[in-house]
Amino acid sequence: MSKKIKLTPVEWEIMETVWTFERPPSVRDVLECAFPNGEKAYTTVQTIMNTLNKKGVLDRKKIGLVNFYSPRKSRDELVKSEMNSLIKRIFNGSTPALTNFLLSGNDFDLDEINELKKMLEEKERELKEGGS
């Protein structure tokens, strides 16, 4: 079984930035993109990116004096991991309980309800056809 990866809010912020690059970014690239007004120090972003490397979320490659980072995990993989953890922790592993909570706590309009129905119907079709 693979190790569960939990990201802090600032780690998510860094990853959201890394995923926008078409090439492996440096710390400086991420700093300038994510925090253009100097909200974080270079060393802070560097520490966070090194932590993400240790967690197995980023790969690090040194070219000359500069480290470049590439995502080892996709956004979808990390979102799925976080959601599964949330559902297990808060809703005893019950997706219907999560869905009930979301439905009862929001004011949906008819278009949104129809969109949700369509998603459920598509998922049902997939399952009937032997997909996952």
Protein backbone atom coordinates (compact mmCIF):
# COMPACT_ATOMS: atom_id res chain seq x y z
CA MET A 1 0.00 0.00 0.00
CA SER A 2 1.34 3.41 -0.95
CA LYS A 3 2.07 6.04 1.65
CA LYS A 4 -0.62 8.69 2.01
CA ILE A 5 0.56 12.14 1.10
CA LYS A 6 -0.88 15.13 2.97
CA LEU A 7 -0.11 18.62 1.76
CA THR A 8 -0.35 21.80 3.77
CA PRO A 9 -2.15 24.81 2.24
CA VAL A 10 1.13 26.47 1.23
CA GLU A 11 2.38 23.19 -0.28
CA TRP A 12 -0.80 23.08 -2.37
CA GLU A 13 -0.13 26.66 -3.44
CA ILE A 14 3.39 25.74 -4.54
CA MET A 15 2.18 22.63 -6.38
CA GLU A 16 -0.58 24.55 -8.15
CA THR A 17 2.17 26.83 -9.45
CA VAL A 18 4.56 24.01 -10.41
CA TRP A 19 1.80 22.30 -12.44
CA THR A 20 1.38 25.45 -14.57
CA PHE A 21 4.92 25.25 -15.96
CA GLU A 22 5.61 23.37 -19.19
CA ARG A 23 9.19 22.72 -18.09
CA PRO A 24 10.66 21.98 -14.66
CA PRO A 25 10.79 25.30 -12.79
CA SER A 26 13.45 26.54 -10.42
CA VAL A 27 12.69 27.94 -6.97
CA ARG A 28 13.07 31.43 -8.45
CA ASP A 29 10.50 30.61 -11.19
CA VAL A 30 7.97 29.42 -8.61
CA LEU A 31 8.66 32.34 -6.29
CA GLU A 32 8.12 34.92 -9.04
CA CYS A 33 4.97 33.23 -10.33
CA ALA A 34 3.28 32.35 -7.02
CA PHE A 35 4.41 35.31 -4.94
CA PRO A 36 5.08 38.21 -7.34
CA ASN A 37 4.74 40.81 -4.58
CA GLY A 38 7.31 39.22 -2.28
CA GLU A 39 4.76 37.52 0.01
CA LYS A 40 7.25 34.70 0.68
CA ALA A 41 11.04 34.67 0.90
CA TYR A 42 13.17 32.69 -1.55
CA THR A 43 14.44 30.47 1.27
CA THR A 44 10.86 29.73 2.40
CA VAL A 45 9.82 28.57 -1.08
CA GLN A 46 13.06 26.57 -1.37
CA THR A 47 12.37 24.83 1.95
CA ILE A 48 8.79 24.01 0.93
CA MET A 49 9.90 22.62 -2.43
CA ASN A 50 12.58 20.50 -0.76
CA THR A 51 9.93 19.19 1.65
CA LEU A 52 7.72 18.31 -1.33
CA ASN A 53 10.71 16.48 -2.79
CA LYS A 54 11.14 14.49 0.44
CA LYS A 55 7.40 13.68 0.43
CA GLY A 56 7.79 12.23 -3.08
CA VAL A 57 5.64 14.88 -4.74
CA LEU A 58 8.44 16.66 -6.62
CA ASP A 59 11.58 15.38 -8.31
CA ARG A 60 14.67 17.58 -8.04
CA LYS A 61 17.46 17.81 -10.61
CA LYS A 62 20.50 20.03 -10.17
CA ILE A 63 21.86 21.69 -13.27
CA GLY A 64 24.91 23.77 -12.48
CA LEU A 65 24.08 25.64 -9.29
CA VAL A 66 20.31 25.59 -9.80
CA ASN A 67 17.76 22.97 -8.74
CA PHE A 68 14.86 22.32 -11.10
CA TYR A 69 11.72 20.57 -9.88
CA SER A 70 9.22 18.46 -11.76
CA PRO A 71 5.98 17.02 -10.42
CA ARG A 72 6.09 13.34 -9.53
CA LYS A 73 2.36 13.37 -8.77
CA SER A 74 -0.41 14.83 -10.89
CA ARG A 75 -2.99 17.21 -9.47
CA ASP A 76 -5.68 14.55 -9.97
CA GLU A 77 -3.66 11.98 -7.99
CA LEU A 78 -3.24 14.35 -5.04
CA VAL A 79 -6.86 15.55 -5.12
CA LYS A 80 -8.07 11.94 -5.13
CA SER A 81 -5.80 11.10 -2.19
CA GLU A 82 -7.00 14.13 -0.21
CA MET A 83 -10.66 13.43 -0.99
CA ASN A 84 -10.37 9.76 -0.02
CA SER A 85 -8.74 10.78 3.25
CA LEU A 86 -11.47 13.35 3.93
CA ILE A 87 -14.27 10.89 3.15
CA LYS A 88 -12.72 8.25 5.43
CA ARG A 89 -12.03 10.69 8.26
CA ILE A 90 -15.17 12.83 8.23
CA PHE A 91 -17.82 10.59 6.65
CA ASN A 92 -16.70 7.10 7.79
CA GLY A 93 -15.77 6.23 4.22
CA SER A 94 -19.28 6.87 2.93
CA THR A 95 -19.48 8.76 -0.36
CA PRO A 96 -23.30 8.96 -0.10
CA ALA A 97 -22.89 10.68 3.30
CA LEU A 98 -20.52 13.22 1.71
CA THR A 99 -22.95 13.73 -1.17
CA ASN A 100 -25.87 14.20 1.22
CA PHE A 101 -23.87 16.78 3.16
CA LEU A 102 -22.99 18.68 -0.02
CA LEU A 103 -26.56 18.59 -1.31
CA SER A 104 -28.15 19.67 1.96
CA GLY A 105 -25.70 22.50 2.53
CA ASN A 106 -26.00 24.20 -0.86
CA ASP A 107 -28.66 25.99 -2.87
CA PHE A 108 -28.51 24.40 -6.31
CA ASP A 109 -30.37 25.76 -9.29
CA LEU A 110 -32.12 23.47 -11.78
CA ASP A 111 -29.21 23.59 -14.26
CA GLU A 112 -26.75 22.43 -11.59
CA ILE A 113 -29.08 19.62 -10.49
CA ASN A 114 -29.41 18.47 -14.12
CA GLU A 115 -25.64 18.58 -14.49
CA LEU A 116 -25.24 16.41 -11.37
CA LYS A 117 -27.84 13.94 -12.71
CA LYS A 118 -25.97 13.75 -16.00
CA MET A 119 -22.69 12.97 -14.17
CA LEU A 120 -24.38 10.21 -12.18
CA GLU A 121 -25.96 8.73 -15.31
CA GLU A 122 -22.58 8.72 -17.09
CA LYS A 123 -20.94 7.01 -14.12
CA GLU A 124 -23.76 4.45 -14.01
CA ARG A 125 -23.26 3.74 -17.73
CA GLU A 126 -19.52 3.28 -17.20
CA LEU A 127 -20.09 0.81 -14.39
CA LYS A 128 -22.66 -1.17 -16.39
CA GLU A 129 -20.21 -1.39 -19.30
CA GLY A 130 -17.53 -2.78 -16.97
CA GLY A 131 -15.48 0.40 -16.46
CA SER A 132 -14.36 1.70 -13.08
